[in-house]
Amino acid sequence: MRKLCISLIALVLLHTSLFAGTFDLGITLGTATHWGESSYDTSKLKLAWGVTLGISDVWELDLQANSALIPHFFGDTTVAVLMQKALLGQRSTGTRVAGLGVNTLLGAGLLISDYFPGNFMMPTHILFTVTPLMVGNPVSAKRERAFTLTLAYNFLTAQVSVLFDLIKYDLYLVGTYRDYL
């Protein structure tokens, strides 16, 4: 199970490098919690890590793994694939001119997990997410996202749960001010 999850994450990370020339590419680090499915997810604190890929000036694709920290270090991992739109304006212009410094994200996607009566990873949840506060942008090479709230519907078990990310940091490698010097 663990090998399958690590292989899936490595494949996703390598695949995203093919699209890195589009707008921007960043690494995401933060926290995550999951409430409402305690029979499948016993961890309340998780490390959120992954990549964010700018598709256009207002759209981005987030590939994020949520790995348990307590009670078993990296014992349980889920993978979220989210397509998100900046609501207040451009997140990045694709030039040396930065996008908005404060923004809001709205998105939808899938959660790949083993939160069903089975012992393998597969898409299990439909996700609807809102990030009310996003400070920074790709051109400045860093961005903070705060108070992300996600409604998750497990279509295999017909359960509704809530995912909450207190804070996430995006550190950009491509599409920053360094590319325009």
Protein backbone atom coordinates (compact mmCIF):
# COMPACT_ATOMS: atom_id res chain seq x y z
CA MET A 1 0.00 0.00 0.00
CA ARG A 2 2.74 2.42 0.96
CA LYS A 3 4.75 1.60 -2.17
CA LEU A 4 1.69 2.20 -4.35
CA CYS A 5 1.07 5.60 -2.76
CA ILE A 6 4.71 6.69 -3.08
CA SER A 7 4.81 5.48 -6.69
CA LEU A 8 1.62 7.40 -7.50
CA ILE A 9 2.97 10.60 -5.97
CA ALA A 10 6.33 10.25 -7.78
CA LEU A 11 4.53 9.68 -11.08
CA VAL A 12 2.35 12.76 -10.58
CA LEU A 13 5.34 14.93 -9.65
CA LEU A 14 7.34 13.80 -12.67
CA HIS A 15 4.36 14.26 -14.98
CA THR A 16 3.80 17.87 -13.89
CA SER A 17 7.29 18.85 -15.03
CA LEU A 18 6.08 18.43 -18.62
CA PHE A 19 3.73 21.40 -18.13
CA ALA A 20 6.14 23.64 -16.18
CA GLY A 21 6.56 26.11 -19.05
CA THR A 22 2.92 27.16 -18.96
CA PHE A 23 2.89 29.85 -16.26
CA ASP A 24 4.46 28.83 -12.98
CA LEU A 25 5.38 25.85 -10.83
CA GLY A 26 5.67 25.81 -7.06
CA ILE A 27 6.14 23.47 -4.11
CA THR A 28 3.42 23.43 -1.44
CA LEU A 29 3.96 22.76 2.28
CA GLY A 30 1.41 23.13 5.06
CA THR A 31 -0.99 21.44 7.44
CA ALA A 32 -4.22 19.52 6.92
CA THR A 33 -6.96 18.04 9.09
CA HIS A 34 -9.82 15.69 8.21
CA TRP A 35 -13.06 15.50 10.21
CA GLY A 36 -16.02 13.22 9.71
CA GLU A 37 -14.57 9.83 8.71
CA SER A 38 -12.91 8.67 11.91
CA SER A 39 -13.50 4.99 11.07
CA TYR A 40 -11.10 5.34 8.11
CA ASP A 41 -8.87 8.25 9.12
CA THR A 42 -7.60 8.13 12.71
CA SER A 43 -5.08 10.95 12.28
CA LYS A 44 -6.16 14.50 13.04
CA LEU A 45 -2.94 16.26 12.04
CA LYS A 46 -1.41 15.81 8.61
CA LEU A 47 1.39 17.33 6.60
CA ALA A 48 0.17 18.77 3.29
CA TRP A 49 2.81 18.68 0.57
CA GLY A 50 2.80 18.73 -3.20
CA VAL A 51 2.99 20.99 -6.24
CA THR A 52 0.95 23.85 -7.63
CA LEU A 53 0.94 24.47 -11.36
CA GLY A 54 -0.28 27.69 -12.95
CA ILE A 55 -2.40 26.78 -15.99
CA SER A 56 -3.38 30.37 -16.87
CA ASP A 57 -3.49 33.79 -15.26
CA VAL A 58 -6.50 32.81 -13.08
CA TRP A 59 -6.49 28.95 -13.08
CA GLU A 60 -4.17 26.60 -11.21
CA LEU A 61 -3.84 22.86 -10.71
CA ASP A 62 -2.88 21.62 -7.25
CA LEU A 63 -1.57 18.11 -6.62
CA GLN A 64 -1.32 17.62 -2.89
CA ALA A 65 -0.52 14.65 -0.67
CA ASN A 66 -1.75 14.68 2.93
CA SER A 67 0.42 12.45 5.13
CA ALA A 68 -0.33 11.57 8.74
CA LEU A 69 2.10 12.88 11.36
CA ILE A 70 0.42 11.51 14.49
CA PRO A 71 0.04 8.64 15.61
CA HIS A 72 1.96 6.94 12.75
CA PHE A 73 4.51 9.11 10.94
CA PHE A 74 3.59 8.98 7.21
CA GLY A 75 1.39 5.97 8.01
CA ASP A 76 -1.65 7.17 6.08
CA THR A 77 -1.46 9.28 2.91
CA THR A 78 -4.15 10.63 0.62
CA VAL A 79 -3.72 12.52 -2.66
CA ALA A 80 -5.90 15.47 -3.69
CA VAL A 81 -6.12 16.79 -7.25
CA LEU A 82 -7.75 20.24 -7.36
CA MET A 83 -8.50 22.72 -10.13
CA GLN A 84 -8.83 26.20 -8.61
CA LYS A 85 -9.77 29.65 -9.91
CA ALA A 86 -8.69 33.00 -8.49
CA LEU A 87 -11.86 35.03 -7.88
CA LEU A 88 -10.58 38.57 -7.34
CA GLY A 89 -8.29 38.88 -10.37
CA GLN A 90 -5.11 37.59 -11.91
CA ARG A 91 -2.98 35.36 -9.71
CA SER A 92 -0.09 35.82 -12.15
CA THR A 93 0.32 37.72 -15.42
CA GLY A 94 3.00 35.49 -16.90
CA THR A 95 5.25 38.56 -17.17
CA ARG A 96 7.39 40.57 -14.76
CA VAL A 97 4.23 42.44 -13.67
CA ALA A 98 2.85 40.63 -10.62
CA GLY A 99 -0.77 39.62 -10.21
CA LEU A 100 -2.91 40.59 -7.23
CA GLY A 101 -1.19 40.35 -3.87
CA VAL A 102 -4.37 39.31 -2.03
CA ASN A 103 -6.85 36.91 -3.59
CA THR A 104 -9.44 34.16 -2.99
CA LEU A 105 -9.49 30.69 -4.54
CA LEU A 106 -12.50 28.53 -5.37
CA GLY A 107 -12.05 25.00 -6.67
CA ALA A 108 -13.16 21.41 -7.15
CA GLY A 109 -11.41 18.09 -7.54
CA LEU A 110 -10.93 14.50 -6.42
CA LEU A 111 -9.39 12.82 -3.39
CA ILE A 112 -7.58 9.53 -3.93
CA SER A 113 -7.61 7.46 -0.75
CA ASP A 114 -8.37 4.08 0.78
CA TYR A 115 -11.32 5.42 2.82
CA PHE A 116 -13.76 2.64 1.93
CA PRO A 117 -14.03 -1.07 2.76
CA GLY A 118 -11.03 -1.96 0.61
CA ASN A 119 -7.28 -1.96 0.95
CA PHE A 120 -6.10 0.00 -2.08
CA MET A 121 -5.97 3.59 -3.32
CA MET A 122 -8.59 4.89 -5.73
CA PRO A 123 -10.67 8.06 -6.26
CA THR A 124 -13.16 8.13 -3.39
CA HIS A 125 -14.19 11.75 -2.77
CA ILE A 126 -15.46 14.72 -4.73
CA LEU A 127 -13.99 17.91 -3.27
CA PHE A 128 -15.33 21.48 -3.21
CA THR A 129 -12.90 23.95 -1.73
CA VAL A 130 -12.62 27.64 -0.86
CA THR A 131 -9.52 29.52 0.25
CA PRO A 132 -10.72 32.89 1.56
CA LEU A 133 -7.27 34.43 2.03
CA MET A 134 -4.29 34.08 -0.28
CA VAL A 135 -1.40 36.53 0.17
CA GLY A 136 1.42 36.77 -2.37
CA ASN A 137 1.72 35.57 -5.94
CA PRO A 138 3.99 33.45 -8.13
CA VAL A 139 6.02 36.41 -9.41
CA SER A 140 7.09 37.26 -5.84
CA ALA A 141 8.26 33.59 -5.53
CA LYS A 142 6.14 32.84 -2.46
CA ARG A 143 2.53 32.77 -1.42
CA GLU A 144 0.60 31.94 1.74
CA ARG A 145 -2.88 30.40 1.69
CA ALA A 146 -4.89 30.52 4.92
CA PHE A 147 -8.09 28.94 6.25
CA THR A 148 -8.83 26.60 3.31
CA LEU A 149 -12.11 24.78 3.89
CA THR A 150 -12.99 21.73 1.79
CA LEU A 151 -16.25 19.81 1.69
CA ALA A 152 -15.58 16.18 0.74
CA TYR A 153 -18.24 13.72 -0.39
CA ASN A 154 -17.20 10.05 -0.31
CA PHE A 155 -19.25 8.61 -3.14
CA LEU A 156 -18.38 5.01 -2.17
CA THR A 157 -19.66 5.20 1.41
CA ALA A 158 -22.06 8.18 1.00
CA GLN A 159 -20.35 10.09 3.83
CA VAL A 160 -19.66 13.81 3.98
CA SER A 161 -16.55 15.09 5.69
CA VAL A 162 -14.65 18.35 6.09
CA LEU A 163 -10.98 19.01 5.38
CA PHE A 164 -9.36 22.12 6.83
CA ASP A 165 -5.94 23.60 6.06
CA LEU A 166 -4.88 26.27 8.53
CA ILE A 167 -2.00 27.51 6.41
CA LYS A 168 -0.08 26.47 3.31
CA TYR A 169 3.09 27.95 1.86
CA ASP A 170 3.76 27.90 -1.88
CA LEU A 171 7.41 28.35 -2.85
CA TYR A 172 7.70 28.96 -6.59
CA LEU A 173 10.51 27.61 -8.75
CA VAL A 174 9.29 28.71 -12.21
CA GLY A 175 7.46 31.92 -13.14
CA THR A 176 9.04 34.15 -10.51
CA TYR A 177 10.75 37.55 -10.70
CA ARG A 178 14.07 35.68 -11.21
CA ASP A 179 12.84 34.51 -14.63
CA TYR A 180 12.38 38.11 -15.80
CA LEU A 181 15.69 39.66 -14.67
